[in-house]
PDB file of N, CA and C in Angstrom:
ATOM      1  N   MET A   1      56.753 210.498 -91.739  1.00  0.00           N
ATOM      2  CA  MET A   1      57.758 211.408 -91.265  1.00  0.00           C
ATOM      3  C   MET A   1      56.945 212.760 -90.808  1.00  0.00           C
ATOM      4  N   GLU A   2      55.564 212.837 -91.656  1.00  0.00           N
ATOM      5  CA  GLU A   2      55.269 214.025 -90.768  1.00  0.00           C
ATOM      6  C   GLU A   2      54.850 213.823 -89.416  1.00  0.00           C
ATOM      7  N   LYS A   3      54.329 212.541 -89.160  1.00  0.00           N
ATOM      8  CA  LYS A   3      53.863 212.186 -87.661  1.00  0.00           C
ATOM      9  C   LYS A   3      55.050 212.485 -86.786  1.00  0.00           C
ATOM     10  N   THR A   4      56.204 211.904 -87.264  1.00  0.00           N
ATOM     11  CA  THR A   4      57.318 212.250 -86.510  1.00  0.00           C
ATOM     12  C   THR A   4      57.607 213.198 -85.739  1.00  0.00           C
ATOM     13  N   ARG A   5      57.430 214.313 -86.718  1.00  0.00           N
ATOM     14  CA  ARG A   5      57.688 215.933 -86.762  1.00  0.00           C
ATOM     15  C   ARG A   5      56.645 216.361 -85.712  1.00  0.00           C
ATOM     16  N   LYS A   6      55.269 216.016 -85.679  1.00  0.00           N
ATOM     17  CA  LYS A   6      54.270 216.492 -84.767  1.00  0.00           C
ATOM     18  C   LYS A   6      54.479 215.982 -83.322  1.00  0.00           C
ATOM     19  N   VAL A   7      55.063 214.628 -83.176  1.00  0.00           N
ATOM     20  CA  VAL A   7      55.348 214.034 -82.135  1.00  0.00           C
ATOM     21  C   VAL A   7      56.796 214.607 -81.490  1.00  0.00           C
ATOM     22  N   THR A   8      57.621 215.114 -82.185  1.00  0.00           N
ATOM     23  CA  THR A   8      58.962 216.031 -81.596  1.00  0.00           C
ATOM     24  C   THR A   8      58.275 216.945 -81.321  1.00  0.00           C
ATOM     25  N   LEU A   9      57.710 217.672 -82.048  1.00  0.00           N
ATOM     26  CA  LEU A   9      57.554 219.173 -81.654  1.00  0.00           C
ATOM     27  C   LEU A   9      56.412 219.183 -80.522  1.00  0.00           C
ATOM     28  N   GLY A  10      55.915 218.337 -80.114  1.00  0.00           N
ATOM     29  CA  GLY A  10      55.009 218.162 -78.855  1.00  0.00           C
ATOM     30  C   GLY A  10      55.738 218.056 -77.614  1.00  0.00           C
ATOM     31  N   ALA A  11      56.657 217.014 -78.207  1.00  0.00           N
ATOM     32  CA  ALA A  11      58.061 216.862 -76.805  1.00  0.00           C
ATOM     33  C   ALA A  11      58.539 218.134 -76.346  1.00  0.00           C
ATOM     34  N   VAL A  12      59.015 218.709 -77.543  1.00  0.00           N
ATOM     35  CA  VAL A  12      59.793 219.757 -77.283  1.00  0.00           C
ATOM     36  C   VAL A  12      59.097 220.896 -76.423  1.00  0.00           C
ATOM     37  N   ALA A  13      57.693 221.264 -77.061  1.00  0.00           N
ATOM     38  CA  ALA A  13      56.880 222.040 -76.127  1.00  0.00           C
ATOM     39  C   ALA A  13      56.645 221.916 -75.007  1.00  0.00           C
ATOM     40  N   THR A  14      56.532 220.549 -74.641  1.00  0.00           N
ATOM     41  CA  THR A  14      56.368 220.070 -73.402  1.00  0.00           C
ATOM     42  C   THR A  14      57.555 220.300 -72.532  1.00  0.00           C
ATOM     43  N   ALA A  15      58.604 220.128 -73.053  1.00  0.00           N
ATOM     44  CA  ALA A  15      60.074 220.030 -72.450  1.00  0.00           C
ATOM     45  C   ALA A  15      59.891 221.702 -71.837  1.00  0.00           C
ATOM     46  N   ILE A  16      59.670 222.395 -73.111  1.00  0.00           N
ATOM     47  CA  ILE A  16      59.774 223.986 -72.438  1.00  0.00           C
ATOM     48  C   ILE A  16      59.000 224.571 -71.421  1.00  0.00           C
ATOM     49  N   VAL A  17      58.025 224.027 -71.445  1.00  0.00           N
ATOM     50  CA  VAL A  17      56.946 224.262 -70.276  1.00  0.00           C
ATOM     51  C   VAL A  17      57.822 223.952 -69.067  1.00  0.00           C
ATOM     52  N   LEU A  18      57.920 222.595 -69.115  1.00  0.00           N
ATOM     53  CA  LEU A  18      58.102 222.008 -67.754  1.00  0.00           C
ATOM     54  C   LEU A  18      59.682 222.859 -67.305  1.00  0.00           C
ATOM     55  N   ALA A  19      60.709 223.337 -68.141  1.00  0.00           N
ATOM     56  CA  ALA A  19      61.597 223.747 -67.885  1.00  0.00           C
ATOM     57  C   ALA A  19      61.453 225.218 -67.340  1.00  0.00           C
ATOM     58  N   LEU A  20      60.033 225.803 -67.990  1.00  0.00           N
ATOM     59  CA  LEU A  20      60.204 227.037 -67.235  1.00  0.00           C
ATOM     60  C   LEU A  20      59.454 227.381 -66.114  1.00  0.00           C
ATOM     61  N   GLY A  21      58.850 226.115 -65.870  1.00  0.00           N
ATOM     62  CA  GLY A  21      58.227 225.849 -64.600  1.00  0.00           C
ATOM     63  C   GLY A  21      59.106 225.766 -63.471  1.00  0.00           C
ATOM     64  N   GLY A  22      60.325 225.224 -63.744  1.00  0.00           N
ATOM     65  CA  GLY A  22      61.385 225.043 -62.917  1.00  0.00           C
ATOM     66  C   GLY A  22      62.396 226.154 -62.265  1.00  0.00           C
ATOM     67  N   CYS A  23      61.672 227.258 -63.417  1.00  0.00           N
ATOM     68  CA  CYS A  23      63.040 228.550 -63.027  1.00  0.00           C
ATOM     69  C   CYS A  23      62.644 229.384 -61.970  1.00  0.00           C
ATOM     70  N   SER A  24      61.251 229.300 -61.548  1.00  0.00           N
ATOM     71  CA  SER A  24      60.545 230.081 -60.531  1.00  0.00           C
ATOM     72  C   SER A  24      60.941 230.560 -59.381  1.00  0.00           C
ATOM     73  N   GLY A  25      62.014 229.467 -58.824  1.00  0.00           N
ATOM     74  CA  GLY A  25      62.947 229.910 -57.479  1.00  0.00           C
ATOM     75  C   GLY A  25      64.316 230.250 -58.148  1.00  0.00           C
ATOM     76  N   MET A  26      64.611 230.519 -59.237  1.00  0.00           N
ATOM     77  CA  MET A  26      65.619 230.845 -59.496  1.00  0.00           C
ATOM     78  C   MET A  26      66.384 232.234 -59.519  1.00  0.00           C
ATOM     79  N   SER A  27      67.352 232.679 -59.128  1.00  0.00           N
ATOM     80  CA  SER A  27      67.953 233.847 -59.001  1.00  0.00           C
ATOM     81  C   SER A  27      67.744 234.703 -60.532  1.00  0.00           C
ATOM     82  N   THR A  28      67.836 235.802 -60.764  1.00  0.00           N
ATOM     83  CA  THR A  28      68.136 236.658 -62.001  1.00  0.00           C
ATOM     84  C   THR A  28      68.972 236.068 -62.628  1.00  0.00           C
ATOM     85  N   GLN A  29      70.369 235.964 -62.044  1.00  0.00           N
ATOM     86  CA  GLN A  29      71.898 235.692 -62.526  1.00  0.00           C
ATOM     87  C   GLN A  29      71.523 234.145 -62.998  1.00  0.00           C
ATOM     88  N   GLY A  30      70.730 233.418 -62.311  1.00  0.00           N
ATOM     89  CA  GLY A  30      70.538 231.923 -62.791  1.00  0.00           C
ATOM     90  C   GLY A  30      69.822 231.729 -64.002  1.00  0.00           C
ATOM     91  N   LYS A  31      68.651 232.744 -64.037  1.00  0.00           N
ATOM     92  CA  LYS A  31      67.844 232.683 -65.305  1.00  0.00           C
ATOM     93  C   LYS A  31      68.404 233.095 -66.388  1.00  0.00           C
ATOM     94  N   ASN A  32      69.130 234.259 -66.168  1.00  0.00           N
ATOM     95  CA  ASN A  32      69.890 234.523 -67.629  1.00  0.00           C
ATOM     96  C   ASN A  32      71.154 233.565 -67.766  1.00  0.00           C
ATOM     97  N   THR A  33      71.707 232.989 -67.031  1.00  0.00           N
ATOM     98  CA  THR A  33      72.512 231.965 -67.443  1.00  0.00           C
ATOM     99  C   THR A  33      72.138 230.698 -68.201  1.00  0.00           C
ATOM    100  N   ALA A  34      70.812 230.439 -67.514  1.00  0.00           N
ATOM    101  CA  ALA A  34      70.139 229.276 -68.332  1.00  0.00           C
ATOM    102  C   ALA A  34      69.451 229.672 -69.800  1.00  0.00           C
ATOM    103  N   ILE A  35      68.949 230.725 -69.857  1.00  0.00           N
ATOM    104  CA  ILE A  35      68.586 231.381 -71.006  1.00  0.00           C
ATOM    105  C   ILE A  35      69.480 231.763 -71.946  1.00  0.00           C
ATOM    106  N   GLY A  36      70.850 231.987 -71.599  1.00  0.00           N
ATOM    107  CA  GLY A  36      72.097 232.118 -72.622  1.00  0.00           C
ATOM    108  C   GLY A  36      72.518 230.943 -72.718  1.00  0.00           C
ATOM    109  N   ALA A  37      72.465 229.785 -71.955  1.00  0.00           N
ATOM    110  CA  ALA A  37      73.035 228.449 -72.209  1.00  0.00           C
ATOM    111  C   ALA A  37      71.830 228.198 -73.704  1.00  0.00           C
ATOM    112  N   GLY A  38      70.793 228.100 -73.122  1.00  0.00           N
ATOM    113  CA  GLY A  38      69.705 227.893 -74.471  1.00  0.00           C
ATOM    114  C   GLY A  38      69.872 228.344 -75.730  1.00  0.00           C
ATOM    115  N   VAL A  39      70.026 229.628 -75.569  1.00  0.00           N
ATOM    116  CA  VAL A  39      70.182 230.626 -77.025  1.00  0.00           C
ATOM    117  C   VAL A  39      71.340 230.170 -77.765  1.00  0.00           C
ATOM    118  N   GLY A  40      72.389 229.856 -76.882  1.00  0.00           N
ATOM    119  CA  GLY A  40      73.794 229.457 -77.255  1.00  0.00           C
ATOM    120  C   GLY A  40      73.621 228.116 -77.809  1.00  0.00           C
ATOM    121  N   ALA A  41      72.894 227.687 -77.392  1.00  0.00           N
ATOM    122  CA  ALA A  41      72.930 225.940 -77.858  1.00  0.00           C
ATOM    123  C   ALA A  41      72.244 226.008 -79.303  1.00  0.00           C
ATOM    124  N   VAL A  42      71.033 226.851 -79.367  1.00  0.00           N
ATOM    125  CA  VAL A  42      70.273 227.019 -80.596  1.00  0.00           C
ATOM    126  C   VAL A  42      71.294 227.454 -81.728  1.00  0.00           C
ATOM    127  N   GLY A  43      71.714 228.700 -81.270  1.00  0.00           N
ATOM    128  CA  GLY A  43      72.711 229.272 -81.990  1.00  0.00           C
ATOM    129  C   GLY A  43      74.198 228.365 -82.822  1.00  0.00           C
ATOM    130  N   GLY A  44      74.615 227.716 -81.713  1.00  0.00           N
ATOM    131  CA  GLY A  44      75.682 226.496 -81.919  1.00  0.00           C
ATOM    132  C   GLY A  44      75.065 225.749 -82.864  1.00  0.00           C
ATOM    133  N   ALA A  45      73.902 225.078 -82.814  1.00  0.00           N
ATOM    134  CA  ALA A  45      73.117 223.822 -83.764  1.00  0.00           C
ATOM    135  C   ALA A  45      73.563 224.737 -85.217  1.00  0.00           C
ATOM    136  N   VAL A  46      72.560 225.606 -85.006  1.00  0.00           N
ATOM    137  CA  VAL A  46      72.265 226.400 -86.328  1.00  0.00           C
ATOM    138  C   VAL A  46      73.484 226.576 -87.397  1.00  0.00           C
ATOM    139  N   LEU A  47      74.728 227.175 -86.818  1.00  0.00           N
ATOM    140  CA  LEU A  47      75.677 227.890 -87.112  1.00  0.00           C
ATOM    141  C   LEU A  47      76.777 226.345 -87.562  1.00  0.00           C
ATOM    142  N   THR A  48      76.511 225.419 -87.114  1.00  0.00           N
ATOM    143  CA  THR A  48      77.298 224.297 -87.303  1.00  0.00           C
ATOM    144  C   THR A  48      76.610 223.212 -88.240  1.00  0.00           C
ATOM    145  N   GLY A  49      75.376 223.577 -88.480  1.00  0.00           N
ATOM    146  CA  GLY A  49      74.698 222.438 -89.405  1.00  0.00           C
ATOM    147  C   GLY A  49      74.150 221.048 -88.208  1.00  0.00           C
ATOM    148  N   GLY A  50      73.960 221.421 -87.099  1.00  0.00           N
ATOM    149  CA  GLY A  50      73.645 220.546 -85.967  1.00  0.00           C
ATOM    150  C   GLY A  50      74.445 219.397 -85.268  1.00  0.00           C
ATOM    151  N   SER A  51      76.208 220.057 -85.580  1.00  0.00           N
ATOM    152  CA  SER A  51      76.988 219.167 -85.257  1.00  0.00           C
ATOM    153  C   SER A  51      76.749 219.341 -83.258  1.00  0.00           C
ATOM    154  N   VAL A  52      76.944 218.382 -82.552  1.00  0.00           N
ATOM    155  CA  VAL A  52      76.951 217.897 -80.856  1.00  0.00           C
ATOM    156  C   VAL A  52      77.913 219.139 -80.769  1.00  0.00           C
ATOM    157  N   LEU A  53      79.120 219.275 -81.048  1.00  0.00           N
ATOM    158  CA  LEU A  53      80.224 219.695 -80.673  1.00  0.00           C
ATOM    159  C   LEU A  53      79.983 221.630 -80.762  1.00  0.00           C
ATOM    160  N   GLY A  54      79.307 221.698 -81.697  1.00  0.00           N
ATOM    161  CA  GLY A  54      78.838 223.205 -82.043  1.00  0.00           C
ATOM    162  C   GLY A  54      77.827 223.640 -80.991  1.00  0.00           C
ATOM    163  N   THR A  55      76.743 222.390 -80.912  1.00  0.00           N
ATOM    164  CA  THR A  55      75.638 222.849 -79.943  1.00  0.00           C
ATOM    165  C   THR A  55      76.182 223.040 -78.309  1.00  0.00           C
ATOM    166  N   VAL A  56      76.623 222.229 -78.283  1.00  0.00           N
ATOM    167  CA  VAL A  56      77.239 222.164 -76.383  1.00  0.00           C
ATOM    168  C   VAL A  56      78.662 223.368 -76.691  1.00  0.00           C
ATOM    169  N   GLY A  57      79.349 223.632 -77.393  1.00  0.00           N
ATOM    170  CA  GLY A  57      80.314 224.589 -77.412  1.00  0.00           C
ATOM    171  C   GLY A  57      79.315 226.284 -77.221  1.00  0.00           C
ATOM    172  N   GLY A  58      78.281 226.058 -77.905  1.00  0.00           N
ATOM    173  CA  GLY A  58      77.090 227.273 -78.296  1.00  0.00           C
ATOM    174  C   GLY A  58      76.766 227.506 -76.722  1.00  0.00           C
ATOM    175  N   ALA A  59      75.987 226.555 -76.240  1.00  0.00           N
ATOM    176  CA  ALA A  59      75.429 226.483 -74.798  1.00  0.00           C
ATOM    177  C   ALA A  59      76.695 227.099 -73.707  1.00  0.00           C
ATOM    178  N   ALA A  60      77.938 226.532 -73.794  1.00  0.00           N
ATOM    179  CA  ALA A  60      78.903 226.699 -73.016  1.00  0.00           C
ATOM    180  C   ALA A  60      79.026 228.321 -72.760  1.00  0.00           C
ATOM    181  N   VAL A  61      79.115 228.885 -74.157  1.00  0.00           N
ATOM    182  CA  VAL A  61      79.768 230.475 -74.408  1.00  0.00           C
ATOM    183  C   VAL A  61      78.226 231.511 -74.008  1.00  0.00           C
ATOM    184  N   GLY A  62      77.404 230.827 -74.450  1.00  0.00           N
ATOM    185  CA  GLY A  62      75.973 231.652 -74.309  1.00  0.00           C
ATOM    186  C   GLY A  62      75.664 231.630 -72.601  1.00  0.00           C
ATOM    187  N   GLY A  63      75.957 230.185 -71.949  1.00  0.00           N
ATOM    188  CA  GLY A  63      76.009 230.495 -70.681  1.00  0.00           C
ATOM    189  C   GLY A  63      76.529 231.300 -70.001  1.00  0.00           C
ATOM    190  N   VAL A  64      77.696 231.572 -70.254  1.00  0.00           N
ATOM    191  CA  VAL A  64      78.990 232.377 -69.612  1.00  0.00           C
ATOM    192  C   VAL A  64      78.771 233.843 -70.065  1.00  0.00           C
ATOM    193  N   VAL A  65      77.829 234.241 -70.878  1.00  0.00           N
ATOM    194  CA  VAL A  65      77.846 235.177 -71.608  1.00  0.00           C
ATOM    195  C   VAL A  65      76.439 235.969 -70.603  1.00  0.00           C
ATOM    196  N   GLY A  66      75.254 234.721 -70.827  1.00  0.00           N
ATOM    197  CA  GLY A  66      74.267 235.291 -69.531  1.00  0.00           C
ATOM    198  C   GLY A  66      74.528 235.357 -68.308  1.00  0.00           C
ATOM    199  N   HIS A  67      75.490 234.867 -67.690  1.00  0.00           N
ATOM    200  CA  HIS A  67      76.069 234.997 -66.301  1.00  0.00           C
ATOM    201  C   HIS A  67      76.819 236.165 -66.341  1.00  0.00           C
ATOM    202  N   GLU A  68      77.439 236.546 -67.360  1.00  0.00           N
ATOM    203  CA  GLU A  68      78.146 237.916 -67.198  1.00  0.00           C
ATOM    204  C   GLU A  68      77.171 239.124 -67.060  1.00  0.00           C
ATOM    205  N   VAL A  69      76.157 239.264 -67.930  1.00  0.00           N
ATOM    206  CA  VAL A  69      75.433 239.934 -68.372  1.00  0.00           C
ATOM    207  C   VAL A  69      74.603 240.677 -67.167  1.00  0.00           C
ATOM    208  N   SER A  70      74.367 239.733 -66.244  1.00  0.00           N
ATOM    209  CA  SER A  70      73.333 240.382 -65.001  1.00  0.00           C
ATOM    210  C   SER A  70      74.283 240.437 -63.866  1.00  0.00           C
ATOM    211  N   LYS A  71      75.838 240.684 -63.927  1.00  0.00           N
ATOM    212  CA  LYS A  71      76.431 241.258 -62.875  1.00  0.00           C
ATOM    213  C   LYS A  71      76.531 242.764 -62.839  1.00  0.00           C
TER     214      LYS A  71
END
């Protein structure tokens, strides 16, 4: 179980680094949308106990909020 956690943590960290590298050519509004979607997904997952619907819903709401903040 502990080894699985470490491997998962490493995979998530790698994915985050690669995703941030892909944001270099994005506009400020695009970056804010992506950040909002990520934060919303985490918040939705936490609030709903890891529900897929809560995660997707949180990402959608967070993306919209991030998009509108930069206007």
